[in-house]
Protein backbone atom coordinates (compact mmCIF):
# COMPACT_ATOMS: atom_id res chain seq x y z
CA MET A 1 73.13 152.02 217.27
CA THR A 2 75.15 153.10 214.29
CA MET A 3 75.77 150.98 211.30
CA TRP A 4 79.60 151.32 211.65
CA SER A 5 82.11 150.69 214.20
CA GLN A 6 85.98 150.49 214.23
CA SER A 7 89.00 150.72 216.58
CA LYS A 8 89.84 154.35 217.51
CA ASN A 9 93.14 153.92 215.56
CA ASP A 10 91.29 152.95 212.40
CA MET A 11 91.37 156.60 211.01
CA LYS A 12 94.63 158.69 211.19
CA TYR A 13 94.07 162.28 210.16
CA SER A 14 95.25 165.59 211.54
CA PHE A 15 92.34 168.07 211.83
CA LEU A 16 92.74 171.89 211.50
CA ASP A 17 89.78 172.07 213.96
CA LYS A 18 90.88 170.42 216.96
CA SER A 19 87.18 170.09 218.27
CA LEU A 20 86.76 167.39 215.65
CA TYR A 21 89.01 164.95 217.40
CA GLU A 22 86.44 164.23 219.95
CA ILE A 23 83.73 163.76 217.25
CA LYS A 24 86.23 161.49 215.32
CA ASP A 25 86.58 159.19 218.37
CA LYS A 26 82.70 158.83 218.54
CA VAL A 27 82.47 158.22 214.68
CA VAL A 28 85.12 155.45 214.59
CA SER A 29 83.81 153.75 217.77
CA GLY A 30 80.18 153.71 216.40
CA GLU A 31 78.93 156.12 219.09
CA ARG A 32 75.84 158.03 218.02
CA LEU A 33 76.46 161.78 217.61
CA GLY A 34 74.21 164.08 219.59
CA PHE A 35 72.77 167.52 219.10
CA GLU A 36 75.78 169.43 220.24
CA ASP A 37 77.99 167.30 217.83
CA GLY A 38 75.78 168.47 215.00
CA ILE A 39 75.98 171.99 215.88
CA ALA A 40 79.94 171.78 216.25
CA LEU A 41 80.16 170.16 212.83
CA TYR A 42 78.01 172.86 211.26
CA LYS A 43 80.08 175.67 212.86
CA SER A 44 83.46 174.00 212.02
CA ASN A 45 85.29 175.76 209.10
CA ASP A 46 87.36 172.63 208.61
CA ILE A 47 85.40 171.52 205.72
CA VAL A 48 88.04 168.99 204.59
CA GLY A 49 88.17 167.59 208.15
CA VAL A 50 84.40 167.31 208.27
CA GLY A 51 84.34 165.79 204.87
CA HIS A 52 87.11 163.25 205.82
CA LEU A 53 84.93 162.00 208.72
CA ALA A 54 81.82 161.72 206.48
CA ASP A 55 83.98 160.04 203.79
CA TYR A 56 85.20 157.40 206.32
CA VAL A 57 81.73 156.50 207.13
CA ARG A 58 80.58 156.39 203.60
CA ARG A 59 83.43 154.07 202.54
CA LYS A 60 82.85 151.77 205.52
CA LEU A 61 79.09 151.28 204.23
CA HIS A 62 79.67 151.37 200.53
CA GLY A 63 83.40 151.25 199.60
CA LYS A 64 83.95 152.72 196.15
CA LYS A 65 80.46 152.21 194.97
CA ALA A 66 78.22 155.07 193.87
CA PHE A 67 74.67 154.51 192.92
CA TYR A 68 72.09 155.94 190.43
CA VAL A 69 68.74 154.97 188.88
CA TYR A 70 67.34 155.49 185.43
CA ASN A 71 64.33 157.42 186.33
CA GLN A 72 61.75 159.83 184.96
CA HIS A 73 60.03 162.73 186.69
CA LEU A 74 56.37 163.29 185.97
CA ASN A 75 54.70 166.56 187.35
CA PHE A 76 51.04 166.12 186.71
CA THR A 77 50.08 169.60 187.92
CA ASN A 78 51.46 172.85 189.15
CA ILE A 79 48.28 174.45 190.54
CA CYS A 80 48.36 174.33 194.30
CA LEU A 81 46.45 175.66 197.17
CA ASN A 82 49.42 176.05 199.53
CA ARG A 83 51.55 178.48 197.48
CA CYS A 84 54.63 178.24 199.66
CA LEU A 85 56.78 181.31 199.53
CA PHE A 86 59.95 179.31 198.52
CA CYS A 87 58.17 177.68 195.55
CA ALA A 88 58.63 178.82 192.01
CA PHE A 89 56.72 175.94 190.51
CA SER A 90 53.21 176.40 191.81
CA ARG A 91 50.53 178.45 190.19
CA ASP A 92 46.84 179.49 190.80
CA ALA A 93 44.23 177.97 188.69
CA GLY A 94 43.80 180.22 185.53
CA GLU A 95 47.28 181.81 186.03
CA LYS A 96 49.75 181.98 183.16
CA ASP A 97 51.67 178.66 182.80
CA ALA A 98 49.33 176.84 185.06
CA PHE A 99 48.66 173.25 183.97
CA ALA A 100 47.09 170.01 185.03
CA LEU A 101 47.66 167.01 182.89
CA SER A 102 44.73 164.77 181.85
CA ILE A 103 45.13 160.98 182.15
CA ASP A 104 45.49 160.89 178.30
CA ASP A 105 48.34 163.51 178.60
CA VAL A 106 50.01 161.49 181.23
CA ARG A 107 49.86 158.41 178.93
CA SER A 108 51.42 160.45 176.14
CA ARG A 109 54.18 161.65 178.29
CA LEU A 110 55.08 158.25 179.34
CA MET A 111 54.83 156.89 175.73
CA GLU A 112 57.47 159.50 174.60
CA ARG A 113 60.13 157.64 176.62
CA ILE A 114 58.67 154.08 176.27
CA ASN A 115 61.84 152.77 174.61
CA GLU A 116 63.97 153.97 177.34
CA PRO A 117 64.96 151.62 180.21
CA VAL A 118 63.14 153.65 182.94
CA ARG A 119 63.00 151.81 186.22
CA GLU A 120 61.34 154.39 188.41
CA LEU A 121 58.72 157.01 187.91
CA HIS A 122 59.07 160.02 190.33
CA VAL A 123 55.50 161.56 190.43
CA VAL A 124 54.49 164.65 192.44
CA GLY A 125 52.39 167.74 191.91
CA GLY A 126 50.56 170.50 193.50
CA LEU A 127 47.32 170.35 195.57
CA ASN A 128 44.80 170.96 192.81
CA SER A 129 41.30 171.32 193.96
CA SER A 130 40.04 170.37 190.41
CA LEU A 131 41.54 166.91 190.66
CA SER A 132 39.27 164.23 192.30
CA PHE A 133 40.36 161.30 194.41
CA ASP A 134 39.63 158.99 191.51
CA TYR A 135 42.07 161.12 189.36
CA TYR A 136 44.95 159.92 191.68
CA ILE A 137 43.86 156.39 191.52
CA GLU A 138 43.53 156.48 187.65
CA LEU A 139 46.86 158.18 187.41
CA LEU A 140 48.57 155.30 189.26
CA ASN A 141 46.62 152.62 187.35
CA THR A 142 47.67 154.42 184.04
CA ILE A 143 51.44 154.57 184.90
CA LYS A 144 51.37 150.85 186.05
CA GLU A 145 49.62 149.83 182.70
CA VAL A 146 52.25 151.83 180.58
CA ARG A 147 55.18 150.98 182.86
CA PRO A 148 54.43 147.60 184.61
CA ASP A 149 58.04 146.96 185.34
CA SER A 150 58.86 150.28 186.74
CA THR A 151 58.57 151.43 190.41
CA ILE A 152 56.05 154.14 191.07
CA LYS A 153 57.41 156.72 193.61
CA ALA A 154 54.65 159.17 194.10
CA PHE A 155 52.97 161.70 196.27
CA THR A 156 54.71 163.44 199.14
CA ALA A 157 53.32 163.12 202.64
CA VAL A 158 51.73 166.56 201.99
CA GLU A 159 49.92 165.19 198.92
CA ILE A 160 48.75 162.04 200.68
CA ASP A 161 47.30 164.15 203.50
CA TYR A 162 45.36 166.19 200.77
CA ILE A 163 44.28 163.11 198.91
CA ALA A 164 42.93 161.63 202.12
CA GLY A 165 40.95 164.74 202.81
CA ILE A 166 39.21 164.80 199.34
CA GLY A 167 38.59 161.18 199.56
CA GLY A 168 36.98 161.35 203.07
CA LEU A 169 39.38 158.54 204.12
CA SER A 170 41.78 158.06 207.00
CA ILE A 171 45.58 158.17 206.11
CA GLU A 172 45.79 154.39 206.47
CA GLU A 173 42.80 153.85 204.26
CA THR A 174 44.22 156.26 201.65
CA ILE A 175 47.49 154.53 201.64
CA ALA A 176 45.90 151.21 201.11
CA GLU A 177 43.97 152.47 198.24
CA LEU A 178 46.99 154.09 196.63
CA LYS A 179 49.06 151.00 197.23
CA LYS A 180 46.41 148.83 195.56
CA ALA A 181 46.57 151.18 192.49
CA GLY A 182 50.24 150.67 192.09
CA LEU A 183 52.08 153.06 194.59
CA GLU A 184 55.21 151.47 195.89
CA MET A 185 57.32 154.23 197.36
CA ILE A 186 56.98 157.83 198.73
CA PRO A 187 59.25 160.70 197.94
CA GLY A 188 60.76 162.52 200.76
CA GLY A 189 59.52 166.13 200.14
CA GLY A 190 57.01 168.28 202.08
CA ALA A 191 58.79 168.44 205.48
CA GLU A 192 61.12 171.30 204.37
CA VAL A 193 62.47 172.01 207.74
CA MET A 194 60.68 170.71 210.60
CA SER A 195 60.28 173.92 212.54
CA ASP A 196 57.09 175.58 213.59
CA ARG A 197 58.80 179.08 213.25
CA VAL A 198 59.86 178.48 209.70
CA ARG A 199 56.46 176.84 208.71
CA LYS A 200 54.62 179.90 209.93
CA LYS A 201 56.72 182.22 207.87
CA LEU A 202 57.24 180.33 204.74
CA PHE A 203 54.63 177.61 204.27
CA PRO A 204 51.75 178.11 206.69
CA LYS A 205 49.08 176.26 204.73
CA LYS A 206 51.23 173.04 204.51
CA ILE A 207 50.89 170.27 207.12
CA ASP A 208 53.15 170.63 210.29
CA SER A 209 56.06 168.48 210.97
CA ASN A 210 54.19 166.18 213.35
CA ARG A 211 51.55 165.34 210.63
CA TRP A 212 54.43 164.66 208.12
CA LEU A 213 56.19 162.29 210.51
CA GLU A 214 52.72 160.66 211.14
CA ILE A 215 52.15 160.01 207.49
CA MET A 216 55.58 158.66 206.83
CA GLU A 217 55.27 156.36 209.82
CA ALA A 218 51.94 155.09 208.59
CA SER A 219 53.40 154.68 205.09
CA HIS A 220 56.27 152.61 206.53
CA SER A 221 53.82 150.45 208.61
CA ALA A 222 52.01 149.72 205.41
CA GLY A 223 55.08 148.41 203.70
CA LEU A 224 56.07 151.36 201.63
CA THR A 225 59.43 152.69 201.87
CA SER A 226 60.33 156.41 201.41
CA ASN A 227 62.98 159.04 200.97
CA ALA A 228 63.52 161.90 203.43
CA THR A 229 64.56 165.45 202.65
CA MET A 230 65.60 168.80 204.28
CA LEU A 231 65.31 172.09 202.43
CA TYR A 232 68.18 174.33 203.54
CA GLY A 233 69.52 177.68 202.67
CA HIS A 234 66.59 180.03 203.38
CA ILE A 235 65.85 181.34 206.81
CA GLU A 236 66.37 178.15 208.91
CA THR A 237 68.87 178.09 211.86
CA LEU A 238 71.64 175.52 212.33
CA ASN A 239 69.73 174.54 215.48
CA GLU A 240 66.80 173.78 213.32
CA ARG A 241 68.80 171.83 210.72
CA VAL A 242 70.19 169.60 213.44
CA ASP A 243 66.83 169.16 215.04
CA HIS A 244 65.34 168.03 211.72
CA LEU A 245 68.04 165.37 211.15
CA ILE A 246 67.39 164.10 214.76
CA LYS A 247 63.70 163.91 214.18
CA LEU A 248 64.34 161.91 210.97
CA ARG A 249 66.83 159.73 212.77
CA GLU A 250 64.24 159.05 215.55
CA LEU A 251 61.51 157.90 213.21
CA GLN A 252 64.13 155.62 211.28
CA ASP A 253 64.95 153.94 214.65
CA LYS A 254 61.13 153.13 214.96
CA THR A 255 60.25 152.12 211.43
CA GLY A 256 63.46 151.52 209.36
CA GLY A 257 61.35 152.70 206.45
CA PHE A 258 63.55 155.56 205.08
CA THR A 259 65.73 154.46 202.13
CA ALA A 260 67.82 157.45 201.56
CA PHE A 261 68.22 161.12 202.70
CA ILE A 262 68.49 164.01 200.28
CA PRO A 263 69.60 167.48 201.21
CA LEU A 264 67.77 170.07 199.02
CA ALA A 265 69.65 173.22 198.38
CA PHE A 266 67.25 176.13 198.21
CA HIS A 267 67.01 177.95 194.94
CA SER A 268 65.37 181.39 195.31
CA LYS A 269 64.96 182.68 191.80
CA ASN A 270 61.29 183.41 190.74
CA THR A 271 60.14 182.88 194.37
CA LYS A 272 58.91 185.40 196.88
CA LEU A 273 62.39 185.03 198.55
CA SER A 274 64.48 185.95 195.61
CA HIS A 275 66.60 188.31 197.84
CA ILE A 276 68.11 185.25 199.52
CA PRO A 277 71.41 184.33 197.87
CA SER A 278 72.09 180.94 196.53
CA THR A 279 73.68 178.40 198.84
CA THR A 280 77.54 178.08 198.64
CA ALA A 281 79.49 175.03 197.66
CA PHE A 282 80.92 175.12 201.27
CA ASP A 283 77.31 174.80 202.75
CA ASP A 284 76.20 172.25 200.16
CA LEU A 285 79.05 169.94 201.09
CA LYS A 286 78.61 170.60 204.73
CA ASN A 287 75.04 169.51 204.65
CA ILE A 288 75.89 166.24 202.80
CA ALA A 289 78.59 165.50 205.37
CA LEU A 290 76.38 166.26 208.23
CA ALA A 291 73.70 164.07 206.91
CA ARG A 292 76.17 161.07 206.72
CA LEU A 293 77.44 161.65 210.13
CA MET A 294 74.24 162.32 211.88
CA LEU A 295 71.96 159.89 210.07
CA ASP A 296 73.83 156.76 211.34
CA ASN A 297 70.70 154.56 210.60
CA PHE A 298 70.26 155.73 207.06
CA SER A 299 71.88 153.48 204.50
CA HIS A 300 72.13 156.02 201.64
CA ILE A 301 72.83 159.90 201.36
CA LYS A 302 72.18 161.48 197.94
CA ALA A 303 73.92 164.33 196.17
CA TYR A 304 71.17 165.69 194.08
CA TRP A 305 72.87 166.92 191.11
CA VAL A 306 69.83 168.92 189.96
CA MET A 307 70.17 171.33 192.76
CA ILE A 308 73.80 171.51 193.41
CA GLY A 309 75.21 170.92 189.94
CA GLU A 310 76.84 167.98 188.25
CA ARG A 311 80.49 168.94 189.13
CA LEU A 312 79.82 169.54 192.92
CA ALA A 313 77.80 166.36 193.06
CA GLN A 314 80.95 164.60 191.90
CA VAL A 315 82.93 166.12 194.80
CA ALA A 316 79.96 165.22 197.23
CA LEU A 317 80.86 161.64 196.59
CA SER A 318 83.93 162.15 198.85
CA PHE A 319 82.01 164.13 201.36
CA GLY A 320 79.51 161.36 202.40
CA ALA A 321 77.21 160.91 199.43
CA ASP A 322 77.04 157.50 197.80
CA ASP A 323 74.17 158.27 195.42
CA LEU A 324 73.69 160.80 192.62
CA ASP A 325 69.95 160.13 192.35
CA GLY A 326 68.99 159.45 188.69
CA THR A 327 68.82 160.51 185.09
CA ILE A 328 65.64 162.55 185.83
CA ILE A 329 65.05 163.09 182.08
CA GLU A 330 63.02 166.27 182.55
CA GLU A 331 63.09 168.04 185.89
CA LYS A 332 60.86 171.11 186.23
CA ILE A 333 60.47 172.14 189.91
CA THR A 334 64.03 173.23 190.61
CA HIS A 335 64.74 174.56 187.15
CA MET A 336 61.72 176.98 187.50
CA ALA A 337 63.60 178.33 190.50
CA GLY A 338 66.73 179.04 188.56
CA ALA A 339 68.85 175.85 188.64
CA LYS A 340 71.60 175.73 186.03
CA SER A 341 72.11 172.15 185.90
CA ALA A 342 70.92 170.03 183.02
CA LYS A 343 67.36 168.96 182.87
CA GLY A 344 68.28 165.34 182.49
CA LEU A 345 71.40 163.24 182.08
CA SER A 346 71.92 160.00 179.92
CA ARG A 347 73.22 156.70 181.54
CA ALA A 348 76.50 157.36 180.00
CA GLN A 349 76.71 160.82 181.46
CA MET A 350 75.76 159.57 184.94
CA GLU A 351 78.40 156.84 184.75
CA HIS A 352 81.09 159.29 183.55
CA LEU A 353 80.37 161.65 186.57
CA ILE A 354 80.95 158.82 189.00
CA SER A 355 83.80 157.12 187.43
CA SER A 356 85.67 160.37 186.81
CA ALA A 357 85.31 161.08 190.43
CA GLY A 358 87.24 157.71 191.30
CA PHE A 359 84.17 155.74 192.07
CA THR A 360 82.45 152.69 190.60
CA PRO A 361 78.97 153.33 188.92
CA VAL A 362 76.34 150.98 190.16
CA GLU A 363 72.87 151.29 188.46
CA ARG A 364 70.15 150.30 190.94
CA ASP A 365 66.25 150.34 191.19
CA SER A 366 64.33 152.25 193.81
CA PHE A 367 64.96 149.66 196.48
CA TYR A 368 68.85 149.51 195.69
CA ARG A 369 68.47 146.20 193.88
CA LEU A 370 71.24 146.21 191.17
CA SER A 371 70.54 146.49 187.53
CA ASP A 372 71.06 143.39 185.29
CA LYS A 373 71.88 145.58 182.18
């Protein structure tokens, strides 16, 4: 059941693409969109019409509010066994620019920003065989010690699978140990596009989509919320995109554990797929709008300004997005793949982006509780 419903006369709009009228009727009556609806929306060139539908839903849910969080990214290692073809961040051990932060290094990184009102730590890294199970526990303990009032959002499902393996524990046991050490939320990365075909070509060493969904379900069952993502703009098809969204929707029906969805625009620079052109603004907005329309059981859709740029993220607030993510402070992964956006934004810059787009800035925490600043 969708989270919105109105009379069919509630939205009056003339679409250039006449096929959107049938979808409009479903949207305003709260009828769930199906696979064919998703394909029709992706194939439509009426970007304003598609955006209008998504904005209708977005405003029903959130009015003029647009959210952000004061957060900090911490990448503790870029050494990774998987070496996915789309990744510009990962390195082999001993390779130039390879790094692994010691616990003391982590403490120092956190102390550099200790006077800033950081509410969330976003912590991800590569699958580094030199790091033990105890390292991950100590990493969480240290972050919690330095930042006791900040939420730790750490370790993708891919990392949790790896940590379980080196610890000789089940996924449920691993999550329990990480939670005890301070883990409160899971990032949404690692699924990329849930397609066996794409996985075999681009990230064959990474866990498959069934395993990703299994770990997310276990995390939700343990009381951890998570985000969800989709990496688009590489070799995936429209069918695979829609299928990915429906799989996320089905798990959300079951667990209710996803907090937000973030479409991730692929950046090819410095990867083994550098021949693939950047995503267009048209496609970026289309993916955000599609997410808002297809993921009827997700409360929040993010426009990740790091990947699509600050200006387009502003526009995305009128195409279904209600959240610009956060201040970030120092993002590495996307910038190593050629992102042109800033590496971090101040609170004032975040609020200016939102307010100048005609929306009301709302600072939140990881769980969409509002700031008392």
